[in-house]
């Protein structure tokens, strides 16, 4: 058995935060919404797609924000994304714990920790 790729990551959000999270992931981050399979539509939440990955956002009635575990997204425009999020009122927390890697954390509207890391050429 050999794993070949990561298909998707699912995060949970609270009831009532779905539209704010949709605006965050689709509007601010620029992911595209994709249709959920028919049997899953009644559960709430939404699915998104980015380049080479999917992020599924599900509603959890017993939700607690994920403040440690988190998805990390690569970007070639770390500073522009940081400015965009800060301008929209999101706290941007730079982190220099990994030598030679620029990154920051923020929280989505449900309080989940999200990381953004500068993509670099691996040549």
PDB file of N, CA and C in Angstrom:
ATOM      1  N   UNK A   1       0.845  -1.188   0.000  1.00  0.00           N
ATOM      2  CA  UNK A   1       0.000   0.000   0.000  1.00  0.00           C
ATOM      3  C   UNK A   1       0.885   1.244   0.000  1.00  0.00           C
ATOM      4  N   UNK A   2       0.566   2.175  -0.890  1.00  0.00           N
ATOM      5  CA  UNK A   2       1.284   3.439  -0.958  1.00  0.00           C
ATOM      6  C   UNK A   2       0.279   4.572  -1.038  1.00  0.00           C
ATOM      7  N   UNK A   3       0.410   5.533  -0.147  1.00  0.00           N
ATOM      8  CA  UNK A   3      -0.436   6.722  -0.212  1.00  0.00           C
ATOM      9  C   UNK A   3       0.095   7.605  -1.330  1.00  0.00           C
ATOM     10  N   UNK A   4      -0.816   8.205  -2.078  1.00  0.00           N
ATOM     11  CA  UNK A   4      -0.381   8.989  -3.232  1.00  0.00           C
ATOM     12  C   UNK A   4      -0.624  10.489  -3.100  1.00  0.00           C
ATOM     13  N   UNK A   5      -1.598  10.887  -2.299  1.00  0.00           N
ATOM     14  CA  UNK A   5      -1.905  12.313  -2.171  1.00  0.00           C
ATOM     15  C   UNK A   5      -2.889  12.507  -1.027  1.00  0.00           C
ATOM     16  N   UNK A   6      -3.004  13.720  -0.583  1.00  0.00           N
ATOM     17  CA  UNK A   6      -4.033  14.086   0.385  1.00  0.00           C
ATOM     18  C   UNK A   6      -5.260  14.525  -0.402  1.00  0.00           C
ATOM     19  N   UNK A   7      -6.390  13.891  -0.155  1.00  0.00           N
ATOM     20  CA  UNK A   7      -7.613  14.214  -0.884  1.00  0.00           C
ATOM     21  C   UNK A   7      -8.285  15.464  -0.322  1.00  0.00           C
ATOM     22  N   UNK A   8      -8.516  15.468   0.992  1.00  0.00           N
ATOM     23  CA  UNK A   8      -9.152  16.635   1.601  1.00  0.00           C
ATOM     24  C   UNK A   8      -8.873  16.668   3.098  1.00  0.00           C
ATOM     25  N   UNK A   9      -9.128  17.820   3.669  1.00  0.00           N
ATOM     26  CA  UNK A   9      -9.117  18.027   5.105  1.00  0.00           C
ATOM     27  C   UNK A   9     -10.505  18.509   5.464  1.00  0.00           C
ATOM     28  N   UNK A  10     -11.050  17.982   6.556  1.00  0.00           N
ATOM     29  CA  UNK A  10     -12.334  18.487   7.033  1.00  0.00           C
ATOM     30  C   UNK A  10     -12.109  19.204   8.347  1.00  0.00           C
ATOM     31  N   UNK A  11     -12.718  20.370   8.455  1.00  0.00           N
ATOM     32  CA  UNK A  11     -12.715  21.103   9.711  1.00  0.00           C
ATOM     33  C   UNK A  11     -14.160  21.239  10.173  1.00  0.00           C
ATOM     34  N   UNK A  12     -14.337  21.426  11.456  1.00  0.00           N
ATOM     35  CA  UNK A  12     -15.667  21.624  12.022  1.00  0.00           C
ATOM     36  C   UNK A  12     -15.849  23.090  12.373  1.00  0.00           C
ATOM     37  N   UNK A  13     -17.084  23.547  12.255  1.00  0.00           N
ATOM     38  CA  UNK A  13     -17.446  24.897  12.678  1.00  0.00           C
ATOM     39  C   UNK A  13     -18.750  24.812  13.453  1.00  0.00           C
ATOM     40  N   UNK A  14     -19.078  25.874  14.141  1.00  0.00           N
ATOM     41  CA  UNK A  14     -20.276  25.891  14.969  1.00  0.00           C
ATOM     42  C   UNK A  14     -21.522  26.181  14.146  1.00  0.00           C
ATOM     43  N   UNK A  15     -22.648  25.719  14.670  1.00  0.00           N
ATOM     44  CA  UNK A  15     -23.923  26.088  14.068  1.00  0.00           C
ATOM     45  C   UNK A  15     -24.029  27.606  14.125  1.00  0.00           C
ATOM     46  N   UNK A  16     -24.501  28.213  13.083  1.00  0.00           N
ATOM     47  CA  UNK A  16     -24.633  29.664  13.041  1.00  0.00           C
ATOM     48  C   UNK A  16     -23.423  30.403  12.479  1.00  0.00           C
ATOM     49  N   UNK A  17     -22.294  29.690  12.280  1.00  0.00           N
ATOM     50  CA  UNK A  17     -21.108  30.365  11.741  1.00  0.00           C
ATOM     51  C   UNK A  17     -20.860  30.025  10.271  1.00  0.00           C
ATOM     52  N   UNK A  18     -21.745  29.229   9.695  1.00  0.00           N
ATOM     53  CA  UNK A  18     -21.523  28.737   8.332  1.00  0.00           C
ATOM     54  C   UNK A  18     -21.346  29.859   7.319  1.00  0.00           C
ATOM     55  N   UNK A  19     -22.191  30.852   7.335  1.00  0.00           N
ATOM     56  CA  UNK A  19     -22.099  31.916   6.322  1.00  0.00           C
ATOM     57  C   UNK A  19     -20.858  32.774   6.511  1.00  0.00           C
ATOM     58  N   UNK A  20     -20.493  33.060   7.754  1.00  0.00           N
ATOM     59  CA  UNK A  20     -19.263  33.829   8.000  1.00  0.00           C
ATOM     60  C   UNK A  20     -18.051  33.025   7.551  1.00  0.00           C
ATOM     61  N   UNK A  21     -18.082  31.720   7.789  1.00  0.00           N
ATOM     62  CA  UNK A  21     -16.970  30.862   7.349  1.00  0.00           C
ATOM     63  C   UNK A  21     -16.937  30.750   5.827  1.00  0.00           C
ATOM     64  N   UNK A  22     -18.092  30.685   5.209  1.00  0.00           N
ATOM     65  CA  UNK A  22     -18.147  30.656   3.745  1.00  0.00           C
ATOM     66  C   UNK A  22     -17.520  31.934   3.178  1.00  0.00           C
ATOM     67  N   UNK A  23     -17.837  33.081   3.760  1.00  0.00           N
ATOM     68  CA  UNK A  23     -17.243  34.349   3.305  1.00  0.00           C
ATOM     69  C   UNK A  23     -15.730  34.349   3.508  1.00  0.00           C
ATOM     70  N   UNK A  24     -15.260  33.784   4.611  1.00  0.00           N
ATOM     71  CA  UNK A  24     -13.833  33.716   4.903  1.00  0.00           C
ATOM     72  C   UNK A  24     -13.116  32.840   3.888  1.00  0.00           C
ATOM     73  N   UNK A  25     -13.560  31.607   3.733  1.00  0.00           N
ATOM     74  CA  UNK A  25     -12.851  30.656   2.877  1.00  0.00           C
ATOM     75  C   UNK A  25     -13.029  30.945   1.386  1.00  0.00           C
ATOM     76  N   UNK A  26     -14.212  31.388   0.998  1.00  0.00           N
ATOM     77  CA  UNK A  26     -14.452  31.674  -0.421  1.00  0.00           C
ATOM     78  C   UNK A  26     -14.049  33.104  -0.776  1.00  0.00           C
ATOM     79  N   UNK A  27     -14.502  34.063   0.009  1.00  0.00           N
ATOM     80  CA  UNK A  27     -14.258  35.460  -0.306  1.00  0.00           C
ATOM     81  C   UNK A  27     -12.831  35.908  -0.023  1.00  0.00           C
ATOM     82  N   UNK A  28     -12.385  35.736   1.216  1.00  0.00           N
ATOM     83  CA  UNK A  28     -11.048  36.214   1.580  1.00  0.00           C
ATOM     84  C   UNK A  28      -9.931  35.322   1.048  1.00  0.00           C
ATOM     85  N   UNK A  29     -10.107  34.010   1.152  1.00  0.00           N
ATOM     86  CA  UNK A  29      -9.030  33.109   0.727  1.00  0.00           C
ATOM     87  C   UNK A  29      -9.126  32.696  -0.735  1.00  0.00           C
ATOM     88  N   UNK A  30     -10.268  32.904  -1.366  1.00  0.00           N
ATOM     89  CA  UNK A  30     -10.398  32.645  -2.795  1.00  0.00           C
ATOM     90  C   UNK A  30     -10.596  31.193  -3.185  1.00  0.00           C
ATOM     91  N   UNK A  31     -11.009  30.331  -2.234  1.00  0.00           N
ATOM     92  CA  UNK A  31     -11.311  28.949  -2.605  1.00  0.00           C
ATOM     93  C   UNK A  31     -12.623  28.918  -3.376  1.00  0.00           C
ATOM     94  N   UNK A  32     -12.835  27.869  -4.139  1.00  0.00           N
ATOM     95  CA  UNK A  32     -14.066  27.711  -4.915  1.00  0.00           C
ATOM     96  C   UNK A  32     -14.985  26.720  -4.215  1.00  0.00           C
ATOM     97  N   UNK A  33     -16.255  27.047  -4.143  1.00  0.00           N
ATOM     98  CA  UNK A  33     -17.198  26.105  -3.547  1.00  0.00           C
ATOM     99  C   UNK A  33     -17.534  25.015  -4.561  1.00  0.00           C
ATOM    100  N   UNK A  34     -17.568  23.777  -4.075  1.00  0.00           N
ATOM    101  CA  UNK A  34     -17.965  22.649  -4.913  1.00  0.00           C
ATOM    102  C   UNK A  34     -19.199  22.008  -4.292  1.00  0.00           C
ATOM    103  N   UNK A  35     -19.970  21.348  -5.113  1.00  0.00           N
ATOM    104  CA  UNK A  35     -21.217  20.757  -4.653  1.00  0.00           C
ATOM    105  C   UNK A  35     -20.953  19.525  -3.794  1.00  0.00           C
ATOM    106  N   UNK A  36     -21.638  19.473  -2.665  1.00  0.00           N
ATOM    107  CA  UNK A  36     -21.564  18.290  -1.813  1.00  0.00           C
ATOM    108  C   UNK A  36     -22.410  17.187  -2.433  1.00  0.00           C
ATOM    109  N   UNK A  37     -22.039  15.928  -2.243  1.00  0.00           N
ATOM    110  CA  UNK A  37     -22.889  14.827  -2.717  1.00  0.00           C
ATOM    111  C   UNK A  37     -24.278  14.905  -2.079  1.00  0.00           C
ATOM    112  N   UNK A  38     -25.276  14.481  -2.832  1.00  0.00           N
ATOM    113  CA  UNK A  38     -26.666  14.601  -2.398  1.00  0.00           C
ATOM    114  C   UNK A  38     -26.945  14.081  -1.004  1.00  0.00           C
ATOM    115  N   UNK A  39     -26.372  12.946  -0.640  1.00  0.00           N
ATOM    116  CA  UNK A  39     -26.629  12.360   0.659  1.00  0.00           C
ATOM    117  C   UNK A  39     -26.045  13.126   1.823  1.00  0.00           C
ATOM    118  N   UNK A  40     -25.193  14.099   1.548  1.00  0.00           N
ATOM    119  CA  UNK A  40     -24.541  14.873   2.614  1.00  0.00           C
ATOM    120  C   UNK A  40     -25.073  16.298   2.729  1.00  0.00           C
ATOM    121  N   UNK A  41     -25.864  16.729   1.768  1.00  0.00           N
ATOM    122  CA  UNK A  41     -26.300  18.132   1.744  1.00  0.00           C
ATOM    123  C   UNK A  41     -27.123  18.536   2.962  1.00  0.00           C
ATOM    124  N   UNK A  42     -27.917  17.633   3.495  1.00  0.00           N
ATOM    125  CA  UNK A  42     -28.781  17.958   4.626  1.00  0.00           C
ATOM    126  C   UNK A  42     -28.042  18.162   5.926  1.00  0.00           C
ATOM    127  N   UNK A  43     -26.763  17.888   5.952  1.00  0.00           N
ATOM    128  CA  UNK A  43     -25.973  18.011   7.184  1.00  0.00           C
ATOM    129  C   UNK A  43     -25.436  19.420   7.417  1.00  0.00           C
ATOM    130  N   UNK A  44     -25.629  20.311   6.461  1.00  0.00           N
ATOM    131  CA  UNK A  44     -25.069  21.652   6.573  1.00  0.00           C
ATOM    132  C   UNK A  44     -23.604  21.644   6.177  1.00  0.00           C
ATOM    133  N   UNK A  45     -22.981  22.781   6.300  1.00  0.00           N
ATOM    134  CA  UNK A  45     -21.588  22.909   5.910  1.00  0.00           C
ATOM    135  C   UNK A  45     -21.441  23.075   4.404  1.00  0.00           C
ATOM    136  N   UNK A  46     -20.200  23.097   3.959  1.00  0.00           N
ATOM    137  CA  UNK A  46     -19.916  23.280   2.539  1.00  0.00           C
ATOM    138  C   UNK A  46     -18.539  22.712   2.227  1.00  0.00           C
ATOM    139  N   UNK A  47     -18.316  22.440   0.967  1.00  0.00           N
ATOM    140  CA  UNK A  47     -17.031  21.927   0.502  1.00  0.00           C
ATOM    141  C   UNK A  47     -16.389  22.959  -0.409  1.00  0.00           C
ATOM    142  N   UNK A  48     -15.066  23.060  -0.325  1.00  0.00           N
ATOM    143  CA  UNK A  48     -14.324  23.987  -1.173  1.00  0.00           C
ATOM    144  C   UNK A  48     -13.180  23.260  -1.856  1.00  0.00           C
ATOM    145  N   UNK A  49     -12.672  23.899  -2.887  1.00  0.00           N
ATOM    146  CA  UNK A  49     -11.525  23.357  -3.609  1.00  0.00           C
ATOM    147  C   UNK A  49     -10.525  24.471  -3.864  1.00  0.00           C
ATOM    148  N   UNK A  50      -9.254  24.116  -3.683  1.00  0.00           N
ATOM    149  CA  UNK A  50      -8.139  24.984  -4.032  1.00  0.00           C
ATOM    150  C   UNK A  50      -7.237  24.201  -4.969  1.00  0.00           C
ATOM    151  N   UNK A  51      -6.103  24.740  -5.333  1.00  0.00           N
ATOM    152  CA  UNK A  51      -5.204  24.044  -6.259  1.00  0.00           C
ATOM    153  C   UNK A  51      -4.612  22.780  -5.621  1.00  0.00           C
ATOM    154  N   UNK A  52      -5.130  21.619  -6.019  1.00  0.00           N
ATOM    155  CA  UNK A  52      -4.603  20.341  -5.552  1.00  0.00           C
ATOM    156  C   UNK A  52      -5.141  19.862  -4.218  1.00  0.00           C
ATOM    157  N   UNK A  53      -6.177  20.503  -3.681  1.00  0.00           N
ATOM    158  CA  UNK A  53      -6.734  20.066  -2.401  1.00  0.00           C
ATOM    159  C   UNK A  53      -8.195  20.460  -2.286  1.00  0.00           C
ATOM    160  N   UNK A  54      -8.878  19.813  -1.364  1.00  0.00           N
ATOM    161  CA  UNK A  54     -10.222  20.201  -0.975  1.00  0.00           C
ATOM    162  C   UNK A  54     -10.244  20.453   0.522  1.00  0.00           C
ATOM    163  N   UNK A  55     -11.049  21.406   0.933  1.00  0.00           N
ATOM    164  CA  UNK A  55     -11.308  21.683   2.335  1.00  0.00           C
ATOM    165  C   UNK A  55     -12.806  21.533   2.538  1.00  0.00           C
ATOM    166  N   UNK A  56     -13.195  20.615   3.410  1.00  0.00           N
ATOM    167  CA  UNK A  56     -14.602  20.389   3.722  1.00  0.00           C
ATOM    168  C   UNK A  56     -14.894  21.034   5.067  1.00  0.00           C
ATOM    169  N   UNK A  57     -15.941  21.816   5.123  1.00  0.00           N
ATOM    170  CA  UNK A  57     -16.333  22.526   6.331  1.00  0.00           C
ATOM    171  C   UNK A  57     -17.652  21.927   6.802  1.00  0.00           C
ATOM    172  N   UNK A  58     -17.623  21.300   7.968  1.00  0.00           N
ATOM    173  CA  UNK A  58     -18.804  20.626   8.497  1.00  0.00           C
ATOM    174  C   UNK A  58     -19.311  21.282   9.766  1.00  0.00           C
ATOM    175  N   UNK A  59     -20.605  21.162   9.995  1.00  0.00           N
ATOM    176  CA  UNK A  59     -21.239  21.710  11.190  1.00  0.00           C
ATOM    177  C   UNK A  59     -21.185  20.655  12.297  1.00  0.00           C
ATOM    178  N   UNK A  60     -20.707  21.057  13.462  1.00  0.00           N
ATOM    179  CA  UNK A  60     -20.637  20.171  14.614  1.00  0.00           C
ATOM    180  C   UNK A  60     -21.474  20.783  15.735  1.00  0.00           C
ATOM    181  N   UNK A  61     -22.573  20.129  16.129  1.00  0.00           N
ATOM    182  CA  UNK A  61     -23.415  20.699  17.184  1.00  0.00           C
ATOM    183  C   UNK A  61     -22.706  20.785  18.537  1.00  0.00           C
ATOM    184  N   UNK A  62     -21.637  20.012  18.729  1.00  0.00           N
ATOM    185  CA  UNK A  62     -20.858  20.057  19.964  1.00  0.00           C
ATOM    186  C   UNK A  62     -19.486  20.673  19.678  1.00  0.00           C
ATOM    187  N   UNK A  63     -19.478  21.732  18.901  1.00  0.00           N
ATOM    188  CA  UNK A  63     -18.253  22.341  18.393  1.00  0.00           C
ATOM    189  C   UNK A  63     -17.395  22.961  19.484  1.00  0.00           C
ATOM    190  N   UNK A  64     -16.091  22.742  19.359  1.00  0.00           N
ATOM    191  CA  UNK A  64     -15.066  23.432  20.139  1.00  0.00           C
ATOM    192  C   UNK A  64     -13.981  23.822  19.145  1.00  0.00           C
ATOM    193  N   UNK A  65     -13.568  25.085  19.096  1.00  0.00           N
ATOM    194  CA  UNK A  65     -12.567  25.492  18.108  1.00  0.00           C
ATOM    195  C   UNK A  65     -11.283  24.673  18.232  1.00  0.00           C
ATOM    196  N   UNK A  66     -10.696  24.395  17.094  1.00  0.00           N
ATOM    197  CA  UNK A  66      -9.415  23.706  17.050  1.00  0.00           C
ATOM    198  C   UNK A  66      -8.322  24.762  17.177  1.00  0.00           C
ATOM    199  N   UNK A  67      -7.701  24.818  18.346  1.00  0.00           N
ATOM    200  CA  UNK A  67      -6.705  25.856  18.609  1.00  0.00           C
ATOM    201  C   UNK A  67      -5.280  25.340  18.490  1.00  0.00           C
ATOM    202  N   UNK A  68      -5.110  24.048  18.292  1.00  0.00           N
ATOM    203  CA  UNK A  68      -3.775  23.479  18.093  1.00  0.00           C
ATOM    204  C   UNK A  68      -3.691  22.838  16.703  1.00  0.00           C
ATOM    205  N   UNK A  69      -4.431  21.761  16.474  1.00  0.00           N
ATOM    206  CA  UNK A  69      -4.457  21.139  15.150  1.00  0.00           C
ATOM    207  C   UNK A  69      -5.040  22.111  14.142  1.00  0.00           C
ATOM    208  N   UNK A  70      -4.503  22.106  12.919  1.00  0.00           N
ATOM    209  CA  UNK A  70      -4.926  23.118  11.945  1.00  0.00           C
ATOM    210  C   UNK A  70      -4.491  22.729  10.536  1.00  0.00           C
ATOM    211  N   UNK A  71      -5.205  23.237   9.525  1.00  0.00           N
ATOM    212  CA  UNK A  71      -4.684  23.145   8.158  1.00  0.00           C
ATOM    213  C   UNK A  71      -3.658  24.249   7.939  1.00  0.00           C
ATOM    214  N   UNK A  72      -2.692  23.977   7.098  1.00  0.00           N
ATOM    215  CA  UNK A  72      -1.683  24.973   6.723  1.00  0.00           C
ATOM    216  C   UNK A  72      -1.712  25.111   5.207  1.00  0.00           C
ATOM    217  N   UNK A  73      -1.896  26.320   4.748  1.00  0.00           N
ATOM    218  CA  UNK A  73      -1.978  26.601   3.325  1.00  0.00           C
ATOM    219  C   UNK A  73      -0.704  27.285   2.868  1.00  0.00           C
ATOM    220  N   UNK A  74      -0.177  26.878   1.726  1.00  0.00           N
ATOM    221  CA  UNK A  74       0.970  27.564   1.115  1.00  0.00           C
ATOM    222  C   UNK A  74       0.474  28.708   0.251  1.00  0.00           C
ATOM    223  N   UNK A  75       1.277  29.759   0.200  1.00  0.00           N
ATOM    224  CA  UNK A  75       0.958  30.895  -0.658  1.00  0.00           C
ATOM    225  C   UNK A  75       2.249  31.526  -1.167  1.00  0.00           C
ATOM    226  N   UNK A  76       2.180  32.092  -2.355  1.00  0.00           N
ATOM    227  CA  UNK A  76       3.308  32.853  -2.893  1.00  0.00           C
ATOM    228  C   UNK A  76       3.153  34.338  -2.584  1.00  0.00           C
ATOM    229  N   UNK A  77       2.068  34.695  -1.898  1.00  0.00           N
ATOM    230  CA  UNK A  77       1.781  36.105  -1.598  1.00  0.00           C
ATOM    231  C   UNK A  77       1.469  36.251  -0.109  1.00  0.00           C
ATOM    232  N   UNK A  78       2.401  35.843   0.735  1.00  0.00           N
ATOM    233  CA  UNK A  78       2.179  35.839   2.178  1.00  0.00           C
ATOM    234  C   UNK A  78       1.868  37.238   2.709  1.00  0.00           C
ATOM    235  N   UNK A  79       2.633  38.236   2.297  1.00  0.00           N
ATOM    236  CA  UNK A  79       2.418  39.592   2.800  1.00  0.00           C
ATOM    237  C   UNK A  79       1.073  40.153   2.347  1.00  0.00           C
ATOM    238  N   UNK A  80       0.722  39.941   1.108  1.00  0.00           N
ATOM    239  CA  UNK A  80      -0.564  40.433   0.599  1.00  0.00           C
ATOM    240  C   UNK A  80      -1.727  39.750   1.323  1.00  0.00           C
ATOM    241  N   UNK A  81      -1.609  38.455   1.567  1.00  0.00           N
ATOM    242  CA  UNK A  81      -2.656  37.737   2.280  1.00  0.00           C
ATOM    243  C   UNK A  81      -2.757  38.212   3.727  1.00  0.00           C
ATOM    244  N   UNK A  82      -1.626  38.428   4.354  1.00  0.00           N
ATOM    245  CA  UNK A  82      -1.601  38.956   5.717  1.00  0.00           C
ATOM    246  C   UNK A  82      -2.310  40.305   5.780  1.00  0.00           C
ATOM    247  N   UNK A  83      -1.995  41.180   4.844  1.00  0.00           N
ATOM    248  CA  UNK A  83      -2.629  42.502   4.793  1.00  0.00           C
ATOM    249  C   UNK A  83      -4.128  42.400   4.538  1.00  0.00           C
ATOM    250  N   UNK A  84      -4.523  41.504   3.650  1.00  0.00           N
ATOM    251  CA  UNK A  84      -5.941  41.322   3.330  1.00  0.00           C
ATOM    252  C   UNK A  84      -6.722  40.865   4.561  1.00  0.00           C
ATOM    253  N   UNK A  85      -6.169  39.879   5.280  1.00  0.00           N
ATOM    254  CA  UNK A  85      -6.841  39.374   6.477  1.00  0.00           C
ATOM    255  C   UNK A  85      -6.892  40.438   7.577  1.00  0.00           C
ATOM    256  N   UNK A  86      -5.783  41.139   7.790  1.00  0.00           N
ATOM    257  CA  UNK A  86      -5.750  42.188   8.811  1.00  0.00           C
ATOM    258  C   UNK A  86      -6.750  43.299   8.475  1.00  0.00           C
ATOM    259  N   UNK A  87      -6.830  43.669   7.202  1.00  0.00           N
ATOM    260  CA  UNK A  87      -7.777  44.709   6.782  1.00  0.00           C
ATOM    261  C   UNK A  87      -9.220  44.289   6.999  1.00  0.00           C
ATOM    262  N   UNK A  88      -9.464  42.977   6.967  1.00  0.00           N
ATOM    263  CA  UNK A  88     -10.816  42.451   7.184  1.00  0.00           C
ATOM    264  C   UNK A  88     -11.095  42.219   8.670  1.00  0.00           C
ATOM    265  N   UNK A  89     -10.132  42.553   9.528  1.00  0.00           N
ATOM    266  CA  UNK A  89     -10.357  42.461  10.960  1.00  0.00           C
ATOM    267  C   UNK A  89      -9.866  41.188  11.624  1.00  0.00           C
ATOM    268  N   UNK A  90      -9.126  40.371  10.896  1.00  0.00           N
ATOM    269  CA  UNK A  90      -8.611  39.129  11.475  1.00  0.00           C
ATOM    270  C   UNK A  90      -7.226  39.366  12.068  1.00  0.00           C
ATOM    271  N   UNK A  91      -6.999  38.822  13.254  1.00  0.00           N
ATOM    272  CA  UNK A  91      -5.682  38.920  13.888  1.00  0.00           C
ATOM    273  C   UNK A  91      -4.690  38.068  13.105  1.00  0.00           C
ATOM    274  N   UNK A  92      -3.557  38.642  12.794  1.00  0.00           N
ATOM    275  CA  UNK A  92      -2.485  37.942  12.085  1.00  0.00           C
ATOM    276  C   UNK A  92      -1.338  37.782  13.068  1.00  0.00           C
ATOM    277  N   UNK A  93      -0.954  36.525  13.326  1.00  0.00           N
ATOM    278  CA  UNK A  93       0.089  36.239  14.301  1.00  0.00           C
ATOM    279  C   UNK A  93       1.307  35.637  13.597  1.00  0.00           C
ATOM    280  N   UNK A  94       2.313  36.463  13.257  1.00  0.00           N
ATOM    281  CA  UNK A  94       3.523  35.934  12.622  1.00  0.00           C
ATOM    282  C   UNK A  94       4.214  34.940  13.558  1.00  0.00           C
ATOM    283  N   UNK A  95       4.893  33.962  12.959  1.00  0.00           N
ATOM    284  CA  UNK A  95       5.584  32.948  13.750  1.00  0.00           C
ATOM    285  C   UNK A  95       6.907  32.627  13.077  1.00  0.00           C
ATOM    286  N   UNK A  96       7.998  32.786  13.804  1.00  0.00           N
ATOM    287  CA  UNK A  96       9.329  32.526  13.262  1.00  0.00           C
ATOM    288  C   UNK A  96       9.971  31.275  13.836  1.00  0.00           C
ATOM    289  N   UNK A  97       9.178  30.342  14.339  1.00  0.00           N
ATOM    290  CA  UNK A  97       9.712  29.153  15.004  1.00  0.00           C
ATOM    291  C   UNK A  97      10.410  28.183  14.057  1.00  0.00           C
ATOM    292  N   UNK A  98      10.115  28.261  12.770  1.00  0.00           N
ATOM    293  CA  UNK A  98      10.772  27.375  11.799  1.00  0.00           C
ATOM    294  C   UNK A  98      11.790  28.216  11.046  1.00  0.00           C
ATOM    295  N   UNK A  99      13.038  27.951  11.300  1.00  0.00           N
ATOM    296  CA  UNK A  99      14.108  28.734  10.682  1.00  0.00           C
ATOM    297  C   UNK A  99      14.011  28.671   9.155  1.00  0.00           C
ATOM    298  N   UNK A 100      14.075  29.842   8.538  1.00  0.00           N
ATOM    299  CA  UNK A 100      14.057  29.917   7.088  1.00  0.00           C
ATOM    300  C   UNK A 100      12.675  29.840   6.466  1.00  0.00           C
ATOM    301  N   UNK A 101      11.612  29.787   7.272  1.00  0.00           N
ATOM    302  CA  UNK A 101      10.243  29.723   6.738  1.00  0.00           C
ATOM    303  C   UNK A 101       9.432  30.880   7.297  1.00  0.00           C
ATOM    304  N   UNK A 102       8.811  31.626   6.413  1.00  0.00           N
ATOM    305  CA  UNK A 102       7.917  32.710   6.824  1.00  0.00           C
ATOM    306  C   UNK A 102       6.502  32.164   6.886  1.00  0.00           C
ATOM    307  N   UNK A 103       5.841  32.445   8.004  1.00  0.00           N
ATOM    308  CA  UNK A 103       4.473  31.965   8.161  1.00  0.00           C
ATOM    309  C   UNK A 103       3.744  32.818   9.181  1.00  0.00           C
ATOM    310  N   UNK A 104       2.406  32.684   9.181  1.00  0.00           N
ATOM    311  CA  UNK A 104       1.597  33.325  10.210  1.00  0.00           C
ATOM    312  C   UNK A 104       0.357  32.487  10.454  1.00  0.00           C
ATOM    313  N   UNK A 105      -0.273  32.770  11.577  1.00  0.00           N
ATOM    314  CA  UNK A 105      -1.515  32.109  11.947  1.00  0.00           C
ATOM    315  C   UNK A 105      -2.617  33.145  12.056  1.00  0.00           C
ATOM    316  N   UNK A 106      -3.835  32.701  11.830  1.00  0.00           N
ATOM    317  CA  UNK A 106      -5.033  33.482  12.105  1.00  0.00           C
ATOM    318  C   UNK A 106      -6.099  32.500  12.546  1.00  0.00           C
ATOM    319  N   UNK A 107      -7.276  32.996  12.858  1.00  0.00           N
ATOM    320  CA  UNK A 107      -8.405  32.141  13.210  1.00  0.00           C
ATOM    321  C   UNK A 107      -9.544  32.422  12.253  1.00  0.00           C
ATOM    322  N   UNK A 108     -10.236  31.356  11.837  1.00  0.00           N
ATOM    323  CA  UNK A 108     -11.412  31.556  10.995  1.00  0.00           C
ATOM    324  C   UNK A 108     -12.551  32.094  11.871  1.00  0.00           C
ATOM    325  N   UNK A 109     -13.698  32.450  11.289  1.00  0.00           N
ATOM    326  CA  UNK A 109     -14.778  33.031  12.080  1.00  0.00           C
ATOM    327  C   UNK A 109     -15.312  32.130  13.201  1.00  0.00           C
ATOM    328  N   UNK A 110     -15.070  30.818  13.111  1.00  0.00           N
ATOM    329  CA  UNK A 110     -15.506  29.895  14.157  1.00  0.00           C
ATOM    330  C   UNK A 110     -14.448  29.732  15.250  1.00  0.00           C
ATOM    331  N   UNK A 111     -13.272  30.341  15.058  1.00  0.00           N
ATOM    332  CA  UNK A 111     -12.212  30.253  16.055  1.00  0.00           C
ATOM    333  C   UNK A 111     -11.174  29.186  15.792  1.00  0.00           C
ATOM    334  N   UNK A 112     -11.242  28.512  14.644  1.00  0.00           N
ATOM    335  CA  UNK A 112     -10.253  27.493  14.295  1.00  0.00           C
ATOM    336  C   UNK A 112      -8.938  28.134  13.867  1.00  0.00           C
ATOM    337  N   UNK A 113      -7.848  27.588  14.346  1.00  0.00           N
ATOM    338  CA  UNK A 113      -6.500  28.050  13.983  1.00  0.00           C
ATOM    339  C   UNK A 113      -6.207  27.670  12.529  1.00  0.00           C
ATOM    340  N   UNK A 114      -5.694  28.622  11.760  1.00  0.00           N
ATOM    341  CA  UNK A 114      -5.343  28.409  10.356  1.00  0.00           C
ATOM    342  C   UNK A 114      -3.935  28.958  10.147  1.00  0.00           C
ATOM    343  N   UNK A 115      -3.093  28.197   9.449  1.00  0.00           N
ATOM    344  CA  UNK A 115      -1.721  28.626   9.172  1.00  0.00           C
ATOM    345  C   UNK A 115      -1.552  28.926   7.693  1.00  0.00           C
ATOM    346  N   UNK A 116      -0.740  29.945   7.420  1.00  0.00           N
ATOM    347  CA  UNK A 116      -0.349  30.281   6.057  1.00  0.00           C
ATOM    348  C   UNK A 116       1.166  30.327   6.032  1.00  0.00           C
ATOM    349  N   UNK A 117       1.744  29.649   5.074  1.00  0.00           N
ATOM    350  CA  UNK A 117       3.190  29.549   4.998  1.00  0.00           C
ATOM    351  C   UNK A 117       3.647  29.935   3.601  1.00  0.00           C
ATOM    352  N   UNK A 118       4.719  30.704   3.542  1.00  0.00           N
ATOM    353  CA  UNK A 118       5.207  31.176   2.247  1.00  0.00           C
ATOM    354  C   UNK A 118       5.778  30.019   1.461  1.00  0.00           C
ATOM    355  N   UNK A 119       5.265  29.849   0.257  1.00  0.00           N
ATOM    356  CA  UNK A 119       5.795  28.814  -0.629  1.00  0.00           C
ATOM    357  C   UNK A 119       7.134  29.273  -1.149  1.00  0.00           C
ATOM    358  N   UNK A 120       8.035  28.358  -1.231  1.00  0.00           N
ATOM    359  CA  UNK A 120       9.367  28.703  -1.740  1.00  0.00           C
ATOM    360  C   UNK A 120       9.767  27.696  -2.791  1.00  0.00           C
ATOM    361  N   UNK A 121      10.621  28.119  -3.656  1.00  0.00           N
ATOM    362  CA  UNK A 121      11.136  27.210  -4.681  1.00  0.00           C
ATOM    363  C   UNK A 121      12.012  26.164  -4.006  1.00  0.00           C
ATOM    364  N   UNK A 122      11.813  24.915  -4.355  1.00  0.00           N
ATOM    365  CA  UNK A 122      12.561  23.805  -3.757  1.00  0.00           C
ATOM    366  C   UNK A 122      13.697  23.373  -4.676  1.00  0.00           C
ATOM    367  N   UNK A 123      14.275  24.317  -5.392  1.00  0.00           N
ATOM    368  CA  UNK A 123      15.370  23.958  -6.314  1.00  0.00           C
ATOM    369  C   UNK A 123      16.711  24.061  -5.673  1.00  0.00           C
TER     370      UNK A 123
END
